[in-house]
Amino acid sequence: MRNFYAIIFFLQFMVSVKGQNLPELIKQRSKAVVAVSSYSVAGTVVDRVNGFFISSDGILLMPAFPLSKSDSIIVTLHNGRKLQVEKVLSVQLYYNMAMVKVSGTRDFEF
């Protein structure tokens, strides 16, 4: 009987996914993924990681370790535009995650 409910749930899930335009959804959401470069005082690249926007007002999640060994951080959007990190909002060292506020405007919607 459990298998029957699992199959029904799976079929309902597949119908709901098919109703959405999945490639278009992926294309739209992938714009939130950015490249994050950290720089030393001398201007050399210390580290490069990826992050992603979680809100339309510029809140970005990224790995925390580049914050500890860099002087500045530049966020590069999917179209090549570069934005600066305005403020570090939160750092969770145990999970190696940081939440930062990025200055400037993004050219995509959430």
PDB file of N, CA and C in Angstrom:
ATOM      1  N   MET A   1       0.811  -1.189   0.000  1.00  0.00           N
ATOM      2  CA  MET A   1       0.000   0.000   0.000  1.00  0.00           C
ATOM      3  C   MET A   1       0.864   1.267   0.000  1.00  0.00           C
ATOM      4  N   ARG A   2       2.008   1.206   0.732  1.00  0.00           N
ATOM      5  CA  ARG A   2       2.909   2.357   0.742  1.00  0.00           C
ATOM      6  C   ARG A   2       3.461   2.634  -0.648  1.00  0.00           C
ATOM      7  N   ASN A   3       3.774   1.592  -1.379  1.00  0.00           N
ATOM      8  CA  ASN A   3       4.291   1.777  -2.737  1.00  0.00           C
ATOM      9  C   ASN A   3       3.274   2.485  -3.615  1.00  0.00           C
ATOM     10  N   PHE A   4       2.012   2.180  -3.421  1.00  0.00           N
ATOM     11  CA  PHE A   4       0.953   2.824  -4.204  1.00  0.00           C
ATOM     12  C   PHE A   4       0.948   4.328  -3.935  1.00  0.00           C
ATOM     13  N   TYR A   5       1.029   4.721  -2.650  1.00  0.00           N
ATOM     14  CA  TYR A   5       1.043   6.144  -2.307  1.00  0.00           C
ATOM     15  C   TYR A   5       2.309   6.825  -2.833  1.00  0.00           C
ATOM     16  N   ALA A   6       3.418   6.139  -2.802  1.00  0.00           N
ATOM     17  CA  ALA A   6       4.666   6.701  -3.318  1.00  0.00           C
ATOM     18  C   ALA A   6       4.559   6.945  -4.822  1.00  0.00           C
ATOM     19  N   ILE A   7       3.962   6.001  -5.529  1.00  0.00           N
ATOM     20  CA  ILE A   7       3.800   6.154  -6.983  1.00  0.00           C
ATOM     21  C   ILE A   7       2.854   7.308  -7.290  1.00  0.00           C
ATOM     22  N   ILE A   8       1.763   7.424  -6.556  1.00  0.00           N
ATOM     23  CA  ILE A   8       0.815   8.526  -6.772  1.00  0.00           C
ATOM     24  C   ILE A   8       1.493   9.865  -6.501  1.00  0.00           C
ATOM     25  N   PHE A   9       2.251   9.950  -5.419  1.00  0.00           N
ATOM     26  CA  PHE A   9       2.968  11.185  -5.105  1.00  0.00           C
ATOM     27  C   PHE A   9       3.953  11.535  -6.211  1.00  0.00           C
ATOM     28  N   PHE A  10       4.702  10.547  -6.684  1.00  0.00           N
ATOM     29  CA  PHE A  10       5.673  10.775  -7.747  1.00  0.00           C
ATOM     30  C   PHE A  10       4.986  11.258  -9.027  1.00  0.00           C
ATOM     31  N   LEU A  11       3.870  10.657  -9.383  1.00  0.00           N
ATOM     32  CA  LEU A  11       3.144  11.077 -10.587  1.00  0.00           C
ATOM     33  C   LEU A  11       2.610  12.497 -10.451  1.00  0.00           C
ATOM     34  N   GLN A  12       2.099  12.856  -9.281  1.00  0.00           N
ATOM     35  CA  GLN A  12       1.634  14.221  -9.076  1.00  0.00           C
ATOM     36  C   GLN A  12       2.791  15.211  -9.174  1.00  0.00           C
ATOM     37  N   PHE A  13       3.941  14.835  -8.637  1.00  0.00           N
ATOM     38  CA  PHE A  13       5.120  15.690  -8.718  1.00  0.00           C
ATOM     39  C   PHE A  13       5.538  15.887 -10.171  1.00  0.00           C
ATOM     40  N   MET A  14       5.553  14.826 -10.941  1.00  0.00           N
ATOM     41  CA  MET A  14       5.958  14.915 -12.346  1.00  0.00           C
ATOM     42  C   MET A  14       4.998  15.779 -13.149  1.00  0.00           C
ATOM     43  N   VAL A  15       3.711  15.686 -12.870  1.00  0.00           N
ATOM     44  CA  VAL A  15       2.726  16.511 -13.570  1.00  0.00           C
ATOM     45  C   VAL A  15       2.929  17.976 -13.226  1.00  0.00           C
ATOM     46  N   SER A  16       3.196  18.282 -11.961  1.00  0.00           N
ATOM     47  CA  SER A  16       3.392  19.678 -11.574  1.00  0.00           C
ATOM     48  C   SER A  16       4.685  20.239 -12.161  1.00  0.00           C
ATOM     49  N   VAL A  17       5.748  19.437 -12.249  1.00  0.00           N
ATOM     50  CA  VAL A  17       7.000  19.891 -12.848  1.00  0.00           C
ATOM     51  C   VAL A  17       6.829  20.101 -14.340  1.00  0.00           C
ATOM     52  N   LYS A  18       6.097  19.213 -14.979  1.00  0.00           N
ATOM     53  CA  LYS A  18       5.895  19.342 -16.415  1.00  0.00           C
ATOM     54  C   LYS A  18       5.086  20.587 -16.742  1.00  0.00           C
ATOM     55  N   GLY A  19       4.204  20.993 -15.811  1.00  0.00           N
ATOM     56  CA  GLY A  19       3.411  22.197 -16.023  1.00  0.00           C
ATOM     57  C   GLY A  19       4.274  23.447 -16.054  1.00  0.00           C
ATOM     58  N   GLN A  20       5.408  23.433 -15.404  1.00  0.00           N
ATOM     59  CA  GLN A  20       6.331  24.555 -15.426  1.00  0.00           C
ATOM     60  C   GLN A  20       7.291  24.375 -16.585  1.00  0.00           C
ATOM     61  N   ASN A  21       7.800  25.458 -17.070  1.00  0.00           N
ATOM     62  CA  ASN A  21       8.800  25.402 -18.122  1.00  0.00           C
ATOM     63  C   ASN A  21      10.159  25.290 -17.437  1.00  0.00           C
ATOM     64  N   LEU A  22      10.602  24.059 -17.189  1.00  0.00           N
ATOM     65  CA  LEU A  22      11.797  23.814 -16.385  1.00  0.00           C
ATOM     66  C   LEU A  22      13.066  24.455 -16.964  1.00  0.00           C
ATOM     67  N   PRO A  23      13.341  24.337 -18.265  1.00  0.00           N
ATOM     68  CA  PRO A  23      14.544  25.009 -18.786  1.00  0.00           C
ATOM     69  C   PRO A  23      14.519  26.526 -18.585  1.00  0.00           C
ATOM     70  N   GLU A  24      13.358  27.126 -18.732  1.00  0.00           N
ATOM     71  CA  GLU A  24      13.248  28.571 -18.529  1.00  0.00           C
ATOM     72  C   GLU A  24      13.450  28.922 -17.054  1.00  0.00           C
ATOM     73  N   LEU A  25      12.920  28.088 -16.165  1.00  0.00           N
ATOM     74  CA  LEU A  25      13.089  28.305 -14.739  1.00  0.00           C
ATOM     75  C   LEU A  25      14.560  28.213 -14.336  1.00  0.00           C
ATOM     76  N   ILE A  26      15.276  27.234 -14.867  1.00  0.00           N
ATOM     77  CA  ILE A  26      16.698  27.076 -14.580  1.00  0.00           C
ATOM     78  C   ILE A  26      17.488  28.256 -15.129  1.00  0.00           C
ATOM     79  N   LYS A  27      17.152  28.693 -16.324  1.00  0.00           N
ATOM     80  CA  LYS A  27      17.853  29.823 -16.936  1.00  0.00           C
ATOM     81  C   LYS A  27      17.666  31.097 -16.108  1.00  0.00           C
ATOM     82  N   GLN A  28      16.455  31.307 -15.607  1.00  0.00           N
ATOM     83  CA  GLN A  28      16.175  32.497 -14.810  1.00  0.00           C
ATOM     84  C   GLN A  28      16.889  32.441 -13.464  1.00  0.00           C
ATOM     85  N   ARG A  29      16.854  31.303 -12.786  1.00  0.00           N
ATOM     86  CA  ARG A  29      17.450  31.184 -11.460  1.00  0.00           C
ATOM     87  C   ARG A  29      18.976  31.131 -11.507  1.00  0.00           C
ATOM     88  N   SER A  30      19.551  30.679 -12.600  1.00  0.00           N
ATOM     89  CA  SER A  30      21.007  30.579 -12.670  1.00  0.00           C
ATOM     90  C   SER A  30      21.673  31.950 -12.675  1.00  0.00           C
ATOM     91  N   LYS A  31      20.929  32.997 -12.962  1.00  0.00           N
ATOM     92  CA  LYS A  31      21.495  34.342 -12.929  1.00  0.00           C
ATOM     93  C   LYS A  31      21.850  34.780 -11.511  1.00  0.00           C
ATOM     94  N   ALA A  32      21.296  34.105 -10.519  1.00  0.00           N
ATOM     95  CA  ALA A  32      21.581  34.454  -9.121  1.00  0.00           C
ATOM     96  C   ALA A  32      22.933  33.912  -8.669  1.00  0.00           C
ATOM     97  N   VAL A  33      23.516  32.985  -9.421  1.00  0.00           N
ATOM     98  CA  VAL A  33      24.821  32.412  -9.068  1.00  0.00           C
ATOM     99  C   VAL A  33      25.916  33.353  -9.581  1.00  0.00           C
ATOM    100  N   VAL A  34      26.874  33.664  -8.704  1.00  0.00           N
ATOM    101  CA  VAL A  34      27.911  34.637  -9.038  1.00  0.00           C
ATOM    102  C   VAL A  34      29.290  34.083  -8.701  1.00  0.00           C
ATOM    103  N   ALA A  35      30.304  34.706  -9.255  1.00  0.00           N
ATOM    104  CA  ALA A  35      31.698  34.404  -8.918  1.00  0.00           C
ATOM    105  C   ALA A  35      32.165  35.451  -7.911  1.00  0.00           C
ATOM    106  N   VAL A  36      32.842  35.008  -6.871  1.00  0.00           N
ATOM    107  CA  VAL A  36      33.325  35.896  -5.814  1.00  0.00           C
ATOM    108  C   VAL A  36      34.850  35.804  -5.786  1.00  0.00           C
ATOM    109  N   SER A  37      35.513  36.941  -5.954  1.00  0.00           N
ATOM    110  CA  SER A  37      36.977  36.996  -5.921  1.00  0.00           C
ATOM    111  C   SER A  37      37.412  37.832  -4.729  1.00  0.00           C
ATOM    112  N   SER A  38      38.362  37.310  -3.975  1.00  0.00           N
ATOM    113  CA  SER A  38      38.909  38.069  -2.844  1.00  0.00           C
ATOM    114  C   SER A  38      40.315  38.527  -3.201  1.00  0.00           C
ATOM    115  N   TYR A  39      40.644  39.752  -2.781  1.00  0.00           N
ATOM    116  CA  TYR A  39      41.909  40.383  -3.136  1.00  0.00           C
ATOM    117  C   TYR A  39      42.687  40.772  -1.883  1.00  0.00           C
ATOM    118  N   SER A  40      44.006  40.740  -1.997  1.00  0.00           N
ATOM    119  CA  SER A  40      44.879  41.183  -0.911  1.00  0.00           C
ATOM    120  C   SER A  40      45.043  42.698  -0.984  1.00  0.00           C
ATOM    121  N   VAL A  41      45.781  43.251  -0.027  1.00  0.00           N
ATOM    122  CA  VAL A  41      46.054  44.690  -0.016  1.00  0.00           C
ATOM    123  C   VAL A  41      46.823  45.094  -1.263  1.00  0.00           C
ATOM    124  N   ALA A  42      47.693  44.209  -1.756  1.00  0.00           N
ATOM    125  CA  ALA A  42      48.492  44.498  -2.948  1.00  0.00           C
ATOM    126  C   ALA A  42      47.686  44.401  -4.239  1.00  0.00           C
ATOM    127  N   GLY A  43      46.449  43.918  -4.163  1.00  0.00           N
ATOM    128  CA  GLY A  43      45.614  43.818  -5.351  1.00  0.00           C
ATOM    129  C   GLY A  43      45.684  42.488  -6.065  1.00  0.00           C
ATOM    130  N   THR A  44      46.372  41.525  -5.494  1.00  0.00           N
ATOM    131  CA  THR A  44      46.445  40.205  -6.113  1.00  0.00           C
ATOM    132  C   THR A  44      45.265  39.350  -5.641  1.00  0.00           C
ATOM    133  N   VAL A  45      44.854  38.432  -6.501  1.00  0.00           N
ATOM    134  CA  VAL A  45      43.742  37.549  -6.173  1.00  0.00           C
ATOM    135  C   VAL A  45      44.190  36.533  -5.140  1.00  0.00           C
ATOM    136  N   VAL A  46      43.479  36.476  -4.030  1.00  0.00           N
ATOM    137  CA  VAL A  46      43.789  35.538  -2.964  1.00  0.00           C
ATOM    138  C   VAL A  46      43.005  34.238  -3.162  1.00  0.00           C
ATOM    139  N   ASP A  47      41.726  34.382  -3.503  1.00  0.00           N
ATOM    140  CA  ASP A  47      40.883  33.205  -3.636  1.00  0.00           C
ATOM    141  C   ASP A  47      39.697  33.518  -4.538  1.00  0.00           C
ATOM    142  N   ARG A  48      39.141  32.467  -5.133  1.00  0.00           N
ATOM    143  CA  ARG A  48      37.926  32.579  -5.948  1.00  0.00           C
ATOM    144  C   ARG A  48      36.954  31.490  -5.528  1.00  0.00           C
ATOM    145  N   VAL A  49      35.715  31.897  -5.275  1.00  0.00           N
ATOM    146  CA  VAL A  49      34.660  30.964  -4.891  1.00  0.00           C
ATOM    147  C   VAL A  49      33.378  31.365  -5.613  1.00  0.00           C
ATOM    148  N   ASN A  50      32.335  30.587  -5.440  1.00  0.00           N
ATOM    149  CA  ASN A  50      31.023  30.920  -5.983  1.00  0.00           C
ATOM    150  C   ASN A  50      30.063  31.185  -4.840  1.00  0.00           C
ATOM    151  N   GLY A  51      29.065  32.003  -5.130  1.00  0.00           N
ATOM    152  CA  GLY A  51      28.012  32.299  -4.171  1.00  0.00           C
ATOM    153  C   GLY A  51      26.720  32.481  -4.920  1.00  0.00           C
ATOM    154  N   PHE A  52      25.649  32.762  -4.188  1.00  0.00           N
ATOM    155  CA  PHE A  52      24.372  32.990  -4.852  1.00  0.00           C
ATOM    156  C   PHE A  52      23.526  33.962  -4.046  1.00  0.00           C
ATOM    157  N   PHE A  53      22.755  34.780  -4.774  1.00  0.00           N
ATOM    158  CA  PHE A  53      21.856  35.729  -4.150  1.00  0.00           C
ATOM    159  C   PHE A  53      20.654  34.987  -3.588  1.00  0.00           C
ATOM    160  N   ILE A  54      20.237  35.390  -2.392  1.00  0.00           N
ATOM    161  CA  ILE A  54      19.053  34.788  -1.796  1.00  0.00           C
ATOM    162  C   ILE A  54      17.905  35.787  -1.705  1.00  0.00           C
ATOM    163  N   SER A  55      18.158  37.040  -2.025  1.00  0.00           N
ATOM    164  CA  SER A  55      17.085  38.032  -2.033  1.00  0.00           C
ATOM    165  C   SER A  55      17.393  39.101  -3.077  1.00  0.00           C
ATOM    166  N   SER A  56      16.353  39.805  -3.464  1.00  0.00           N
ATOM    167  CA  SER A  56      16.518  40.803  -4.523  1.00  0.00           C
ATOM    168  C   SER A  56      17.172  42.087  -4.037  1.00  0.00           C
ATOM    169  N   ASP A  57      17.359  42.242  -2.736  1.00  0.00           N
ATOM    170  CA  ASP A  57      18.006  43.458  -2.242  1.00  0.00           C
ATOM    171  C   ASP A  57      19.509  43.294  -2.053  1.00  0.00           C
ATOM    172  N   GLY A  58      20.100  42.239  -2.625  1.00  0.00           N
ATOM    173  CA  GLY A  58      21.546  42.100  -2.651  1.00  0.00           C
ATOM    174  C   GLY A  58      22.151  41.260  -1.552  1.00  0.00           C
ATOM    175  N   ILE A  59      21.374  40.403  -0.904  1.00  0.00           N
ATOM    176  CA  ILE A  59      21.914  39.513   0.124  1.00  0.00           C
ATOM    177  C   ILE A  59      22.476  38.279  -0.572  1.00  0.00           C
ATOM    178  N   LEU A  60      23.730  37.980  -0.289  1.00  0.00           N
ATOM    179  CA  LEU A  60      24.463  36.917  -0.972  1.00  0.00           C
ATOM    180  C   LEU A  60      24.973  35.907   0.049  1.00  0.00           C
ATOM    181  N   LEU A  61      24.832  34.613  -0.253  1.00  0.00           N
ATOM    182  CA  LEU A  61      25.448  33.550   0.543  1.00  0.00           C
ATOM    183  C   LEU A  61      26.709  33.100  -0.171  1.00  0.00           C
ATOM    184  N   MET A  62      27.775  32.919   0.592  1.00  0.00           N
ATOM    185  CA  MET A  62      29.050  32.518   0.021  1.00  0.00           C
ATOM    186  C   MET A  62      29.852  31.775   1.080  1.00  0.00           C
ATOM    187  N   PRO A  63      30.909  31.065   0.699  1.00  0.00           N
ATOM    188  CA  PRO A  63      31.795  30.463   1.699  1.00  0.00           C
ATOM    189  C   PRO A  63      32.464  31.556   2.534  1.00  0.00           C
ATOM    190  N   ALA A  64      32.723  31.263   3.794  1.00  0.00           N
ATOM    191  CA  ALA A  64      33.258  32.273   4.714  1.00  0.00           C
ATOM    192  C   ALA A  64      34.769  32.425   4.664  1.00  0.00           C
ATOM    193  N   PHE A  65      35.498  31.393   4.246  1.00  0.00           N
ATOM    194  CA  PHE A  65      36.959  31.451   4.355  1.00  0.00           C
ATOM    195  C   PHE A  65      37.615  32.569   3.560  1.00  0.00           C
ATOM    196  N   PRO A  66      37.104  33.036   2.410  1.00  0.00           N
ATOM    197  CA  PRO A  66      37.779  34.164   1.748  1.00  0.00           C
ATOM    198  C   PRO A  66      37.738  35.458   2.552  1.00  0.00           C
ATOM    199  N   LEU A  67      36.775  35.594   3.454  1.00  0.00           N
ATOM    200  CA  LEU A  67      36.678  36.813   4.256  1.00  0.00           C
ATOM    201  C   LEU A  67      37.838  36.958   5.229  1.00  0.00           C
ATOM    202  N   SER A  68      38.363  35.850   5.701  1.00  0.00           N
ATOM    203  CA  SER A  68      39.413  35.905   6.726  1.00  0.00           C
ATOM    204  C   SER A  68      40.784  36.261   6.170  1.00  0.00           C
ATOM    205  N   LYS A  69      41.005  36.054   4.891  1.00  0.00           N
ATOM    206  CA  LYS A  69      42.349  36.286   4.359  1.00  0.00           C
ATOM    207  C   LYS A  69      42.376  37.259   3.193  1.00  0.00           C
ATOM    208  N   SER A  70      41.422  38.191   3.161  1.00  0.00           N
ATOM    209  CA  SER A  70      41.398  39.142   2.050  1.00  0.00           C
ATOM    210  C   SER A  70      41.150  40.552   2.557  1.00  0.00           C
ATOM    211  N   ASP A  71      41.480  41.513   1.703  1.00  0.00           N
ATOM    212  CA  ASP A  71      41.267  42.922   2.024  1.00  0.00           C
ATOM    213  C   ASP A  71      39.977  43.439   1.398  1.00  0.00           C
ATOM    214  N   SER A  72      39.643  42.938   0.206  1.00  0.00           N
ATOM    215  CA  SER A  72      38.414  43.345  -0.475  1.00  0.00           C
ATOM    216  C   SER A  72      37.844  42.160  -1.246  1.00  0.00           C
ATOM    217  N   ILE A  73      36.550  42.248  -1.513  1.00  0.00           N
ATOM    218  CA  ILE A  73      35.858  41.177  -2.218  1.00  0.00           C
ATOM    219  C   ILE A  73      35.037  41.781  -3.337  1.00  0.00           C
ATOM    220  N   ILE A  74      35.176  41.213  -4.528  1.00  0.00           N
ATOM    221  CA  ILE A  74      34.434  41.650  -5.704  1.00  0.00           C
ATOM    222  C   ILE A  74      33.537  40.510  -6.167  1.00  0.00           C
ATOM    223  N   VAL A  75      32.274  40.834  -6.429  1.00  0.00           N
ATOM    224  CA  VAL A  75      31.295  39.866  -6.919  1.00  0.00           C
ATOM    225  C   VAL A  75      31.088  40.116  -8.402  1.00  0.00           C
ATOM    226  N   THR A  76      31.248  39.075  -9.217  1.00  0.00           N
ATOM    227  CA  THR A  76      31.066  39.192 -10.661  1.00  0.00           C
ATOM    228  C   THR A  76      29.769  38.500 -11.051  1.00  0.00           C
ATOM    229  N   LEU A  77      28.855  39.259 -11.657  1.00  0.00           N
ATOM    230  CA  LEU A  77      27.565  38.720 -12.076  1.00  0.00           C
ATOM    231  C   LEU A  77      27.713  37.879 -13.337  1.00  0.00           C
ATOM    232  N   HIS A  78      26.640  37.233 -13.738  1.00  0.00           N
ATOM    233  CA  HIS A  78      26.642  36.356 -14.916  1.00  0.00           C
ATOM    234  C   HIS A  78      26.988  37.097 -16.204  1.00  0.00           C
ATOM    235  N   ASN A  79      26.714  38.406 -16.258  1.00  0.00           N
ATOM    236  CA  ASN A  79      26.984  39.182 -17.468  1.00  0.00           C
ATOM    237  C   ASN A  79      28.331  39.905 -17.421  1.00  0.00           C
ATOM    238  N   GLY A  80      29.123  39.664 -16.366  1.00  0.00           N
ATOM    239  CA  GLY A  80      30.445  40.261 -16.272  1.00  0.00           C
ATOM    240  C   GLY A  80      30.524  41.519 -15.421  1.00  0.00           C
ATOM    241  N   ARG A  81      29.384  42.074 -15.029  1.00  0.00           N
ATOM    242  CA  ARG A  81      29.403  43.260 -14.159  1.00  0.00           C
ATOM    243  C   ARG A  81      30.010  42.919 -12.814  1.00  0.00           C
ATOM    244  N   LYS A  82      30.738  43.861 -12.255  1.00  0.00           N
ATOM    245  CA  LYS A  82      31.402  43.655 -10.981  1.00  0.00           C
ATOM    246  C   LYS A  82      30.778  44.558  -9.923  1.00  0.00           C
ATOM    247  N   LEU A  83      30.483  43.965  -8.770  1.00  0.00           N
ATOM    248  CA  LEU A  83      29.905  44.687  -7.646  1.00  0.00           C
ATOM    249  C   LEU A  83      30.769  44.448  -6.413  1.00  0.00           C
ATOM    250  N   GLN A  84      30.733  45.397  -5.477  1.00  0.00           N
ATOM    251  CA  GLN A  84      31.521  45.258  -4.253  1.00  0.00           C
ATOM    252  C   GLN A  84      30.639  44.799  -3.097  1.00  0.00           C
ATOM    253  N   VAL A  85      31.279  44.133  -2.151  1.00  0.00           N
ATOM    254  CA  VAL A  85      30.585  43.748  -0.932  1.00  0.00           C
ATOM    255  C   VAL A  85      30.517  44.973  -0.040  1.00  0.00           C
ATOM    256  N   GLU A  86      29.303  45.333   0.318  1.00  0.00           N
ATOM    257  CA  GLU A  86      29.071  46.521   1.131  1.00  0.00           C
ATOM    258  C   GLU A  86      29.256  46.230   2.619  1.00  0.00           C
ATOM    259  N   LYS A  87      28.729  45.075   3.073  1.00  0.00           N
ATOM    260  CA  LYS A  87      28.753  44.781   4.498  1.00  0.00           C
ATOM    261  C   LYS A  87      28.674  43.268   4.706  1.00  0.00           C
ATOM    262  N   VAL A  88      29.396  42.781   5.690  1.00  0.00           N
ATOM    263  CA  VAL A  88      29.287  41.380   6.105  1.00  0.00           C
ATOM    264  C   VAL A  88      28.194  41.318   7.165  1.00  0.00           C
ATOM    265  N   LEU A  89      27.127  40.571   6.873  1.00  0.00           N
ATOM    266  CA  LEU A  89      25.989  40.494   7.786  1.00  0.00           C
ATOM    267  C   LEU A  89      26.143  39.389   8.827  1.00  0.00           C
ATOM    268  N   SER A  90      26.661  38.247   8.397  1.00  0.00           N
ATOM    269  CA  SER A  90      26.761  37.113   9.308  1.00  0.00           C
ATOM    270  C   SER A  90      27.826  36.153   8.810  1.00  0.00           C
ATOM    271  N   VAL A  91      28.533  35.534   9.758  1.00  0.00           N
ATOM    272  CA  VAL A  91      29.533  34.522   9.426  1.00  0.00           C
ATOM    273  C   VAL A  91      29.300  33.327  10.333  1.00  0.00           C
ATOM    274  N   GLN A  92      29.223  32.155   9.735  1.00  0.00           N
ATOM    275  CA  GLN A  92      29.085  30.898  10.476  1.00  0.00           C
ATOM    276  C   GLN A  92      30.310  30.050  10.138  1.00  0.00           C
ATOM    277  N   LEU A  93      31.315  30.097  11.008  1.00  0.00           N
ATOM    278  CA  LEU A  93      32.575  29.412  10.732  1.00  0.00           C
ATOM    279  C   LEU A  93      32.436  27.898  10.730  1.00  0.00           C
ATOM    280  N   TYR A  94      31.589  27.353  11.587  1.00  0.00           N
ATOM    281  CA  TYR A  94      31.424  25.899  11.655  1.00  0.00           C
ATOM    282  C   TYR A  94      30.943  25.345  10.315  1.00  0.00           C
ATOM    283  N   TYR A  95      29.999  26.048   9.671  1.00  0.00           N
ATOM    284  CA  TYR A  95      29.484  25.609   8.376  1.00  0.00           C
ATOM    285  C   TYR A  95      30.184  26.281   7.200  1.00  0.00           C
ATOM    286  N   ASN A  96      31.134  27.164   7.479  1.00  0.00           N
ATOM    287  CA  ASN A  96      31.884  27.883   6.450  1.00  0.00           C
ATOM    288  C   ASN A  96      30.951  28.658   5.517  1.00  0.00           C
ATOM    289  N   MET A  97      30.001  29.378   6.088  1.00  0.00           N
ATOM    290  CA  MET A  97      29.060  30.168   5.305  1.00  0.00           C
ATOM    291  C   MET A  97      29.065  31.604   5.799  1.00  0.00           C
ATOM    292  N   ALA A  98      28.914  32.522   4.857  1.00  0.00           N
ATOM    293  CA  ALA A  98      28.817  33.937   5.187  1.00  0.00           C
ATOM    294  C   ALA A  98      27.657  34.546   4.419  1.00  0.00           C
ATOM    295  N   MET A  99      26.998  35.496   5.052  1.00  0.00           N
ATOM    296  CA  MET A  99      25.938  36.250   4.404  1.00  0.00           C
ATOM    297  C   MET A  99      26.422  37.686   4.307  1.00  0.00           C
ATOM    298  N   VAL A 100      26.467  38.206   3.084  1.00  0.00           N
ATOM    299  CA  VAL A 100      26.973  39.563   2.866  1.00  0.00           C
ATOM    300  C   VAL A 100      25.954  40.374   2.079  1.00  0.00           C
ATOM    301  N   LYS A 101      26.071  41.690   2.189  1.00  0.00           N
ATOM    302  CA  LYS A 101      25.234  42.616   1.424  1.00  0.00           C
ATOM    303  C   LYS A 101      26.087  43.179   0.311  1.00  0.00           C
ATOM    304  N   VAL A 102      25.606  43.076  -0.919  1.00  0.00           N
ATOM    305  CA  VAL A 102      26.336  43.548  -2.091  1.00  0.00           C
ATOM    306  C   VAL A 102      25.746  44.877  -2.537  1.00  0.00           C
ATOM    307  N   SER A 103      26.604  45.845  -2.797  1.00  0.00           N
ATOM    308  CA  SER A 103      26.136  47.153  -3.261  1.00  0.00           C
ATOM    309  C   SER A 103      25.914  47.123  -4.760  1.00  0.00           C
ATOM    310  N   GLY A 104      25.035  47.984  -5.235  1.00  0.00           N
ATOM    311  CA  GLY A 104      24.745  48.060  -6.661  1.00  0.00           C
ATOM    312  C   GLY A 104      23.482  47.309  -7.012  1.00  0.00           C
ATOM    313  N   THR A 105      23.087  47.441  -8.271  1.00  0.00           N
ATOM    314  CA  THR A 105      21.842  46.824  -8.722  1.00  0.00           C
ATOM    315  C   THR A 105      22.134  45.609  -9.582  1.00  0.00           C
ATOM    316  N   ARG A 106      21.256  44.648  -9.472  1.00  0.00           N
ATOM    317  CA  ARG A 106      21.334  43.460 -10.307  1.00  0.00           C
ATOM    318  C   ARG A 106      20.361  43.612 -11.461  1.00  0.00           C
ATOM    319  N   ASP A 107      20.651  42.986 -12.570  1.00  0.00           N
ATOM    320  CA  ASP A 107      19.780  43.123 -13.744  1.00  0.00           C
ATOM    321  C   ASP A 107      18.940  41.868 -13.958  1.00  0.00           C
ATOM    322  N   PHE A 108      18.456  41.291 -12.883  1.00  0.00           N
ATOM    323  CA  PHE A 108      17.580  40.125 -12.975  1.00  0.00           C
ATOM    324  C   PHE A 108      16.618  40.168 -11.811  1.00  0.00           C
ATOM    325  N   GLU A 109      15.539  39.424 -11.921  1.00  0.00           N
ATOM    326  CA  GLU A 109      14.529  39.374 -10.873  1.00  0.00           C
ATOM    327  C   GLU A 109      14.517  37.992 -10.241  1.00  0.00           C
ATOM    328  N   PHE A 110      14.055  37.937  -9.022  1.00  0.00           N
ATOM    329  CA  PHE A 110      13.945  36.675  -8.311  1.00  0.00           C
ATOM    330  C   PHE A 110      12.549  36.125  -8.478  1.00  0.00           C
TER     331      PHE A 110
END
